Amino acid sequence: MNRRSLLLTPLLFPNGSGAEIWPQQYDSGYQLYQENNDRIRVEAIYLRGKVDIDSDTSVRFQYLHDAISGSSPTGALPGGLNPFLAEIEDVREGYLAAIDHQFGDHRVEFEAAYSTESDYDSTGLSLTDSWDLNQKNTKLVFGINYLFDKVQVPGINAQDKTGIDFFTGVTQIIDKNTVITANLTLGNSQGYLNDPYKAIQRDDSADFGLVPGSLINMYAENRPDSRFRQVLQLEGTHYVASANGAFDAVLRLSNDDYGVFSQTVQLEWRQAIGEKFEVTPYFRYYHQNAADFFTNTLDGIVPLGITPPDYPNGSGANYSADYRLSALDTVSLGIRMHYQLNESLSASACYERYSMSGLGSDSSPAQAYPDANIWTFGMRLKF
């Protein structure tokens, strides 16, 4: 018996007997996200577990540790005196615990999560009800998420950000080979929604003695202090018996009162090879238009003679040069592999190539948009 088994023994056999064992599943993994040109690098490790206390009750947990380093666009335009990229470095720790219980045809789950990093703390609570109908051929899901975040903004006190999501969905078995799902989420965020490390430039007049001139100054962005989102996701899975494989398709539509409307399409084919190996190539395309207040400079947005606030609160004119709010496309191509080593242990690996590009004149400079390689490796133990 290994060290982990010894540590778990008091939990698995509460009466001191090894005659029975609660069904369990543990996942561990490592992911590396690396943008081209030594931009952002994120290394993450995670551990997830699930223990079935009895046929009606189970508990879940998750631990996440990730480290980010590299450089990210500041909001300044390239070629000027202000740096286009800024170095960042941080570490995040995340924890999640959940318990669910079966009440007749309903399975109710309560989840609590917390994550912390040097300048950001997030606490989340979630309650979900899954209701089986039609001899378990139909499943309805209802739920609510609540987030309370603390944002450390340099120069002022910590700022609050809250979010609440209501979601519902239905999953329907069409036949023995086909399942479809539809989900709708309505969410609202309020409070400090700015990124404290993103800025926007403006050409300001300056007096150099007898000769007038201009300076390019940087100001903090000013996003609205509320955001209402609507997300519709449709998904279908069909098993093709003749090929011993399954086709999955996902369509996701998202809209918010920032003016951002996005569409996501993901297609994947899960192919079994023998009894132990599965390979899944996939493709994902994402498109969005720009937020109503996205702009590369403040020129013409905030008139000269009026100085934008150092710590904007969402009131007044809104503006942001964050490339993630511009019109853009992303394309991902990837392949996942899964191998079942034995009845209890399996291994997985995934590679994804990710590419983002701006669209038309309503975008950031081309060098703001990253390309990245994403590697993921995992193990699963189930008994």
Protein backbone atom coordinates (compact mmCIF):
# COMPACT_ATOMS: atom_id res chain seq x y z
CA MET A 1 0.00 0.00 0.00
CA ASN A 2 1.49 3.37 -1.01
CA ARG A 3 1.65 6.50 1.10
CA ARG A 4 -1.51 8.00 -0.44
CA SER A 5 -3.46 4.84 0.36
CA LEU A 6 -2.24 4.97 3.95
CA LEU A 7 -3.36 8.58 4.28
CA LEU A 8 -6.79 7.82 2.86
CA THR A 9 -7.44 4.67 4.90
CA PRO A 10 -9.15 6.43 7.88
CA LEU A 11 -11.52 8.15 5.44
CA LEU A 12 -12.30 5.08 3.37
CA PHE A 13 -12.79 2.70 6.27
CA PRO A 14 -14.31 4.83 9.05
CA ASN A 15 -15.07 1.76 11.17
CA GLY A 16 -11.52 0.49 10.95
CA SER A 17 -12.48 -2.34 8.59
CA GLY A 18 -11.34 -2.82 5.02
CA ALA A 19 -14.33 -4.97 4.07
CA GLU A 20 -15.99 -2.19 2.10
CA ILE A 21 -14.59 0.74 0.15
CA TRP A 22 -16.34 3.83 -1.08
CA PRO A 23 -16.14 4.18 -4.87
CA GLN A 24 -13.62 6.91 -5.69
CA GLN A 25 -12.04 8.74 -8.60
CA TYR A 26 -8.94 10.93 -8.61
CA ASP A 27 -7.58 13.05 -11.45
CA SER A 28 -4.25 14.85 -11.56
CA GLY A 29 -2.82 16.88 -14.39
CA TYR A 30 -0.33 19.41 -15.70
CA GLN A 31 -0.95 22.07 -18.33
CA LEU A 32 1.48 24.40 -20.09
CA TYR A 33 0.21 27.43 -22.01
CA GLN A 34 2.97 29.21 -23.91
CA GLU A 35 2.45 32.16 -26.23
CA ASN A 36 4.85 32.83 -29.09
CA ASN A 37 7.70 35.32 -28.75
CA ASP A 38 8.08 34.72 -25.00
CA ARG A 39 4.75 36.34 -24.25
CA ILE A 40 2.52 34.86 -21.54
CA ARG A 41 3.47 31.50 -20.03
CA VAL A 42 1.14 29.68 -17.63
CA GLU A 43 2.00 26.43 -15.88
CA ALA A 44 -0.82 24.77 -13.97
CA ILE A 45 -1.17 21.63 -11.89
CA TYR A 46 -4.44 20.30 -10.53
CA LEU A 47 -5.79 17.49 -8.40
CA ARG A 48 -9.47 16.52 -8.45
CA GLY A 49 -11.28 13.85 -6.51
CA LYS A 50 -14.72 12.37 -6.07
CA VAL A 51 -15.86 9.96 -3.35
CA ASP A 52 -19.27 8.27 -3.32
CA ILE A 53 -20.34 8.10 0.33
CA ASP A 54 -23.31 5.91 -0.61
CA SER A 55 -25.64 5.46 -3.56
CA ASP A 56 -27.27 8.84 -2.89
CA THR A 57 -24.41 11.06 -1.70
CA SER A 58 -20.99 11.99 -3.05
CA VAL A 59 -18.38 14.66 -2.39
CA ARG A 60 -15.92 16.36 -4.74
CA PHE A 61 -12.83 18.45 -4.26
CA GLN A 62 -10.28 20.23 -6.44
CA TYR A 63 -6.94 21.93 -5.86
CA LEU A 64 -5.34 24.17 -8.51
CA HIS A 65 -1.94 25.83 -8.56
CA ASP A 66 -0.85 27.91 -11.51
CA ALA A 67 2.00 30.33 -12.16
CA ILE A 68 1.94 33.05 -14.82
CA SER A 69 4.88 34.97 -16.23
CA GLY A 70 5.83 36.84 -19.38
CA SER A 71 4.62 40.01 -21.04
CA SER A 72 1.22 41.39 -22.00
CA PRO A 73 0.09 44.48 -23.99
CA THR A 74 -0.35 47.55 -21.81
CA GLY A 75 -2.77 49.43 -24.07
CA ALA A 76 -0.11 51.72 -25.51
CA LEU A 77 0.35 51.78 -29.28
CA PRO A 78 3.65 50.37 -30.59
CA GLY A 79 6.45 52.65 -31.73
CA GLY A 80 6.03 55.30 -29.03
CA LEU A 81 7.92 56.09 -25.85
CA ASN A 82 5.43 54.20 -23.69
CA PRO A 83 6.10 50.43 -23.54
CA PHE A 84 3.79 48.32 -25.67
CA LEU A 85 4.38 45.26 -23.42
CA ALA A 86 4.71 44.98 -19.66
CA GLU A 87 6.19 42.11 -17.67
CA ILE A 88 3.88 40.26 -15.28
CA GLU A 89 4.40 37.46 -12.77
CA ASP A 90 1.96 35.89 -10.32
CA VAL A 91 0.88 32.65 -8.64
CA ARG A 92 -2.67 31.52 -8.00
CA GLU A 93 -4.00 28.90 -5.59
CA GLY A 94 -7.54 27.60 -6.01
CA TYR A 95 -9.71 25.32 -3.88
CA LEU A 96 -13.14 23.79 -4.50
CA ALA A 97 -15.39 21.52 -2.44
CA ALA A 98 -18.83 20.18 -3.33
CA ILE A 99 -21.42 17.74 -2.00
CA ASP A 100 -24.45 16.34 -3.81
CA HIS A 101 -27.37 14.20 -2.71
CA GLN A 102 -30.20 12.37 -4.45
CA PHE A 103 -33.74 13.37 -3.42
CA GLY A 104 -36.09 11.16 -5.40
CA ASP A 105 -35.76 12.26 -9.04
CA HIS A 106 -33.67 15.29 -8.07
CA ARG A 107 -29.93 15.45 -7.48
CA VAL A 108 -28.93 18.63 -5.64
CA GLU A 109 -25.34 19.85 -5.43
CA PHE A 110 -23.81 22.63 -3.35
CA GLU A 111 -20.37 23.91 -4.32
CA ALA A 112 -17.97 26.39 -2.70
CA ALA A 113 -14.77 27.70 -4.29
CA TYR A 114 -11.99 30.08 -3.36
CA SER A 115 -8.92 31.31 -5.23
CA THR A 116 -6.24 33.79 -4.30
CA GLU A 117 -3.33 35.54 -5.99
CA SER A 118 -1.23 38.58 -5.15
CA ASP A 119 -3.86 41.11 -6.27
CA TYR A 120 -7.10 39.17 -6.60
CA ASP A 121 -9.25 37.06 -4.27
CA SER A 122 -12.39 35.28 -5.46
CA THR A 123 -15.08 33.44 -3.49
CA GLY A 124 -17.83 31.51 -5.24
CA LEU A 125 -20.95 29.59 -4.23
CA SER A 126 -23.14 27.46 -6.47
CA LEU A 127 -26.39 25.50 -6.06
CA THR A 128 -27.60 23.13 -8.80
CA ASP A 129 -30.63 20.86 -9.13
CA SER A 130 -30.68 18.08 -11.76
CA TRP A 131 -34.13 16.58 -12.31
CA ASP A 132 -34.60 13.24 -14.14
CA LEU A 133 -37.81 12.82 -16.12
CA ASN A 134 -39.30 10.52 -18.74
CA GLN A 135 -37.69 7.35 -17.34
CA LYS A 136 -34.36 9.21 -17.17
CA ASN A 137 -34.43 10.00 -20.89
CA THR A 138 -34.80 13.70 -20.07
CA LYS A 139 -32.78 15.75 -17.59
CA LEU A 140 -33.58 19.30 -16.52
CA VAL A 141 -30.95 21.41 -14.75
CA PHE A 142 -31.49 24.62 -12.77
CA GLY A 143 -28.88 26.52 -10.84
CA ILE A 144 -27.40 29.72 -9.48
CA ASN A 145 -23.80 30.89 -9.08
CA TYR A 146 -22.63 33.77 -6.92
CA LEU A 147 -19.15 35.32 -7.01
CA PHE A 148 -17.62 37.87 -4.67
CA ASP A 149 -14.19 39.18 -5.66
CA LYS A 150 -11.67 41.58 -4.14
CA VAL A 151 -9.44 43.41 -6.62
CA GLN A 152 -6.24 45.03 -5.35
CA VAL A 153 -5.86 48.24 -7.37
CA PRO A 154 -2.47 49.97 -7.04
CA GLY A 155 -2.84 53.34 -5.33
CA ILE A 156 -6.27 52.82 -3.74
CA ASN A 157 -8.06 50.43 -1.44
CA ALA A 158 -9.21 47.00 -2.60
CA GLN A 159 -12.26 47.17 -4.86
CA ASP A 160 -15.31 44.86 -4.85
CA LYS A 161 -16.70 42.94 -7.80
CA THR A 162 -19.77 40.70 -7.58
CA GLY A 163 -21.42 38.41 -10.08
CA ILE A 164 -24.56 36.29 -10.15
CA ASP A 165 -25.54 33.76 -12.82
CA PHE A 166 -28.83 31.94 -13.28
CA PHE A 167 -28.71 28.92 -15.58
CA THR A 168 -31.04 26.26 -16.86
CA GLY A 169 -30.69 23.43 -19.32
CA VAL A 170 -32.23 20.31 -20.77
CA THR A 171 -30.58 17.08 -21.97
CA GLN A 172 -32.63 14.71 -24.13
CA ILE A 173 -31.78 11.17 -25.24
CA ILE A 174 -33.08 10.92 -28.80
CA ASP A 175 -32.17 7.29 -29.35
CA LYS A 176 -29.52 4.85 -28.16
CA ASN A 177 -26.85 6.69 -30.18
CA THR A 178 -27.88 10.36 -29.96
CA VAL A 179 -28.05 12.93 -27.17
CA ILE A 180 -28.75 16.67 -27.43
CA THR A 181 -28.38 19.41 -24.82
CA ALA A 182 -29.45 23.06 -24.61
CA ASN A 183 -28.30 25.45 -21.85
CA LEU A 184 -29.15 29.09 -21.15
CA THR A 185 -27.26 31.34 -18.72
CA LEU A 186 -28.17 34.87 -17.63
CA GLY A 187 -25.46 36.64 -15.67
CA ASN A 188 -24.80 40.06 -14.21
CA SER A 189 -21.55 41.52 -12.84
CA GLN A 190 -21.25 44.74 -10.87
CA GLY A 191 -18.53 46.79 -9.22
CA TYR A 192 -14.93 47.23 -10.30
CA LEU A 193 -14.81 45.63 -13.75
CA ASN A 194 -11.64 47.36 -15.00
CA ASP A 195 -8.32 45.62 -15.49
CA PRO A 196 -6.04 47.70 -13.21
CA TYR A 197 -3.03 46.94 -15.45
CA LYS A 198 -4.56 48.09 -18.74
CA ALA A 199 -4.19 51.69 -19.89
CA ILE A 200 -5.07 53.85 -22.88
CA GLN A 201 -3.10 56.69 -24.45
CA ARG A 202 -3.97 60.24 -25.49
CA ASP A 203 -2.05 62.98 -27.32
CA ASP A 204 -1.99 65.91 -24.87
CA SER A 205 -0.74 69.40 -25.56
CA ALA A 206 2.39 70.57 -23.76
CA ASP A 207 4.25 73.84 -23.39
CA PHE A 208 7.98 73.55 -24.06
CA GLY A 209 8.84 77.19 -23.42
CA LEU A 210 8.35 79.20 -26.59
CA VAL A 211 7.51 76.15 -28.70
CA PRO A 212 4.19 74.34 -28.19
CA GLY A 213 4.28 70.57 -28.49
CA SER A 214 2.49 67.41 -27.46
CA LEU A 215 2.97 64.49 -25.12
CA ILE A 216 1.49 61.00 -25.26
CA ASN A 217 0.12 60.30 -21.80
CA MET A 218 -1.32 57.03 -20.45
CA TYR A 219 -4.57 56.85 -18.48
CA ALA A 220 -6.39 54.02 -16.71
CA GLU A 221 -9.20 52.39 -18.68
CA ASN A 222 -12.82 53.02 -17.67
CA ARG A 223 -15.22 50.16 -18.35
CA PRO A 224 -18.88 50.31 -17.24
CA ASP A 225 -19.46 49.19 -13.65
CA SER A 226 -22.05 46.58 -14.65
CA ARG A 227 -22.28 43.89 -17.33
CA PHE A 228 -25.31 41.78 -18.23
CA ARG A 229 -24.63 38.59 -20.21
CA GLN A 230 -26.81 36.07 -22.02
CA VAL A 231 -25.31 32.76 -23.17
CA LEU A 232 -27.04 30.03 -25.18
CA GLN A 233 -25.22 26.75 -25.79
CA LEU A 234 -26.45 23.89 -27.98
CA GLU A 235 -24.66 20.54 -28.05
CA GLY A 236 -25.20 17.23 -29.78
CA THR A 237 -23.44 13.86 -29.63
CA HIS A 238 -23.99 10.98 -32.05
CA TYR A 239 -22.34 7.57 -31.83
CA VAL A 240 -21.51 5.95 -35.19
CA ALA A 241 -21.54 2.23 -34.51
CA SER A 242 -19.94 1.24 -37.82
CA ALA A 243 -16.88 3.40 -37.06
CA ASN A 244 -16.85 2.81 -33.29
CA GLY A 245 -16.58 6.58 -32.88
CA ALA A 246 -18.69 9.56 -31.80
CA PHE A 247 -19.18 13.01 -33.28
CA ASP A 248 -19.67 16.00 -30.93
CA ALA A 249 -20.79 19.46 -32.04
CA VAL A 250 -21.19 22.59 -29.88
CA LEU A 251 -22.63 25.98 -30.83
CA ARG A 252 -22.34 28.78 -28.28
CA LEU A 253 -23.85 32.25 -28.67
CA SER A 254 -23.07 35.01 -26.17
CA ASN A 255 -24.26 38.59 -25.93
CA ASP A 256 -23.78 41.35 -23.36
CA ASP A 257 -24.57 45.01 -22.85
CA TYR A 258 -20.93 45.91 -23.56
CA GLY A 259 -22.06 45.40 -27.15
CA VAL A 260 -20.02 42.20 -27.57
CA PHE A 261 -21.77 39.44 -29.52
CA SER A 262 -19.75 36.26 -29.93
CA GLN A 263 -20.18 32.90 -31.61
CA THR A 264 -18.27 29.69 -30.90
CA VAL A 265 -18.35 26.47 -32.92
CA GLN A 266 -16.53 23.35 -31.75
CA LEU A 267 -16.41 20.04 -33.61
CA GLU A 268 -14.70 16.88 -32.45
CA TRP A 269 -14.50 13.22 -33.38
CA ARG A 270 -13.85 10.67 -30.62
CA GLN A 271 -12.38 7.54 -32.19
CA ALA A 272 -11.86 4.31 -30.27
CA ILE A 273 -8.85 2.25 -31.37
CA GLY A 274 -9.07 -1.18 -29.86
CA GLU A 275 -10.40 -1.55 -26.34
CA LYS A 276 -7.98 0.75 -24.50
CA PHE A 277 -7.05 3.68 -26.72
CA GLU A 278 -9.10 6.70 -27.83
CA VAL A 279 -8.01 9.63 -29.98
CA THR A 280 -10.01 12.85 -30.41
CA PRO A 281 -9.10 15.50 -32.98
CA TYR A 282 -11.03 18.76 -32.54
CA PHE A 283 -11.53 22.18 -34.06
CA ARG A 284 -12.85 25.35 -32.41
CA TYR A 285 -13.65 28.71 -33.97
CA TYR A 286 -14.57 31.86 -32.02
CA HIS A 287 -15.62 35.26 -33.35
CA GLN A 288 -16.65 38.48 -31.61
CA ASN A 289 -17.34 42.08 -32.58
CA ALA A 290 -15.80 44.93 -30.57
CA ALA A 291 -17.26 46.34 -27.37
CA ASP A 292 -19.08 49.64 -27.86
CA PHE A 293 -16.41 51.50 -25.87
CA PHE A 294 -13.32 49.83 -27.35
CA THR A 295 -10.85 52.32 -28.84
CA ASN A 296 -7.10 52.42 -29.35
CA THR A 297 -6.71 56.01 -28.12
CA LEU A 298 -8.59 58.60 -26.10
CA ASP A 299 -8.16 61.18 -28.85
CA GLY A 300 -11.63 62.55 -29.51
CA ILE A 301 -13.18 60.50 -26.68
CA VAL A 302 -12.26 62.68 -23.71
CA PRO A 303 -11.74 66.30 -24.88
CA LEU A 304 -8.45 68.05 -24.30
CA GLY A 305 -8.55 70.16 -21.17
CA ILE A 306 -10.40 67.42 -19.28
CA THR A 307 -8.07 65.04 -17.46
CA PRO A 308 -9.38 61.47 -17.14
CA PRO A 309 -9.48 60.25 -13.51
CA ASP A 310 -6.58 58.23 -12.13
CA TYR A 311 -9.03 55.71 -10.66
CA PRO A 312 -12.18 55.65 -12.83
CA ASN A 313 -15.31 54.05 -11.36
CA GLY A 314 -17.32 53.33 -14.50
CA SER A 315 -19.19 56.63 -14.64
CA GLY A 316 -18.76 59.16 -17.42
CA ALA A 317 -17.35 58.22 -20.80
CA ASN A 318 -16.29 54.57 -21.04
CA TYR A 319 -13.13 53.50 -22.88
CA SER A 320 -10.70 50.60 -23.05
CA ALA A 321 -7.83 49.67 -25.37
CA ASP A 322 -7.73 46.06 -24.12
CA TYR A 323 -7.31 43.92 -27.26
CA ARG A 324 -9.59 41.27 -25.72
CA LEU A 325 -12.52 43.70 -26.17
CA SER A 326 -11.77 44.38 -29.84
CA ALA A 327 -13.21 42.63 -32.89
CA LEU A 328 -11.31 39.35 -33.20
CA ASP A 329 -11.24 35.73 -34.31
CA THR A 330 -9.61 32.75 -32.64
CA VAL A 331 -8.98 29.32 -34.13
CA SER A 332 -7.92 26.22 -32.22
CA LEU A 333 -6.81 22.87 -33.62
CA GLY A 334 -6.09 20.09 -31.19
CA ILE A 335 -5.85 16.41 -30.51
CA ARG A 336 -6.58 14.53 -27.29
CA MET A 337 -5.45 10.99 -26.52
CA HIS A 338 -6.64 8.67 -23.78
CA TYR A 339 -5.24 5.27 -22.83
CA GLN A 340 -6.73 2.85 -20.32
CA LEU A 341 -3.77 1.15 -18.65
CA ASN A 342 -5.90 -1.19 -16.54
CA GLU A 343 -9.31 -1.27 -14.88
CA SER A 344 -8.34 1.45 -12.40
CA LEU A 345 -5.73 3.64 -14.08
CA SER A 346 -5.81 5.72 -17.28
CA ALA A 347 -3.59 8.38 -18.83
CA SER A 348 -4.33 11.26 -21.19
CA ALA A 349 -2.45 13.84 -23.24
CA CYS A 350 -3.59 16.80 -25.33
CA TYR A 351 -1.97 19.29 -27.68
CA GLU A 352 -3.70 22.44 -28.96
CA ARG A 353 -2.53 25.17 -31.30
CA TYR A 354 -4.31 28.45 -30.57
CA SER A 355 -4.27 31.53 -32.78
CA MET A 356 -5.95 34.93 -32.31
CA SER A 357 -6.22 37.75 -34.84
CA GLY A 358 -7.84 41.18 -34.93
CA LEU A 359 -10.44 42.16 -37.50
CA GLY A 360 -10.40 45.25 -39.72
CA SER A 361 -9.77 48.77 -38.52
CA ASP A 362 -11.86 48.10 -35.41
CA SER A 363 -9.05 46.20 -33.68
CA SER A 364 -5.79 46.55 -31.78
CA PRO A 365 -2.37 46.52 -33.49
CA ALA A 366 -1.62 43.10 -34.99
CA GLN A 367 1.19 42.36 -32.52
CA ALA A 368 -1.27 42.49 -29.61
CA TYR A 369 -2.92 39.20 -30.60
CA PRO A 370 -1.20 36.03 -29.37
CA ASP A 371 -0.56 32.62 -30.85
CA ALA A 372 0.05 29.84 -28.36
CA ASN A 373 0.83 26.17 -27.86
CA ILE A 374 -1.09 24.35 -25.11
CA TRP A 375 0.04 21.00 -23.70
CA THR A 376 -1.96 18.99 -21.15
CA PHE A 377 -1.09 15.71 -19.43
CA GLY A 378 -3.25 13.82 -16.93
CA MET A 379 -3.78 10.63 -14.94
CA ARG A 380 -6.99 9.13 -13.56
CA LEU A 381 -7.32 6.60 -10.78
CA LYS A 382 -10.70 5.00 -10.24
CA PHE A 383 -11.68 2.26 -7.84
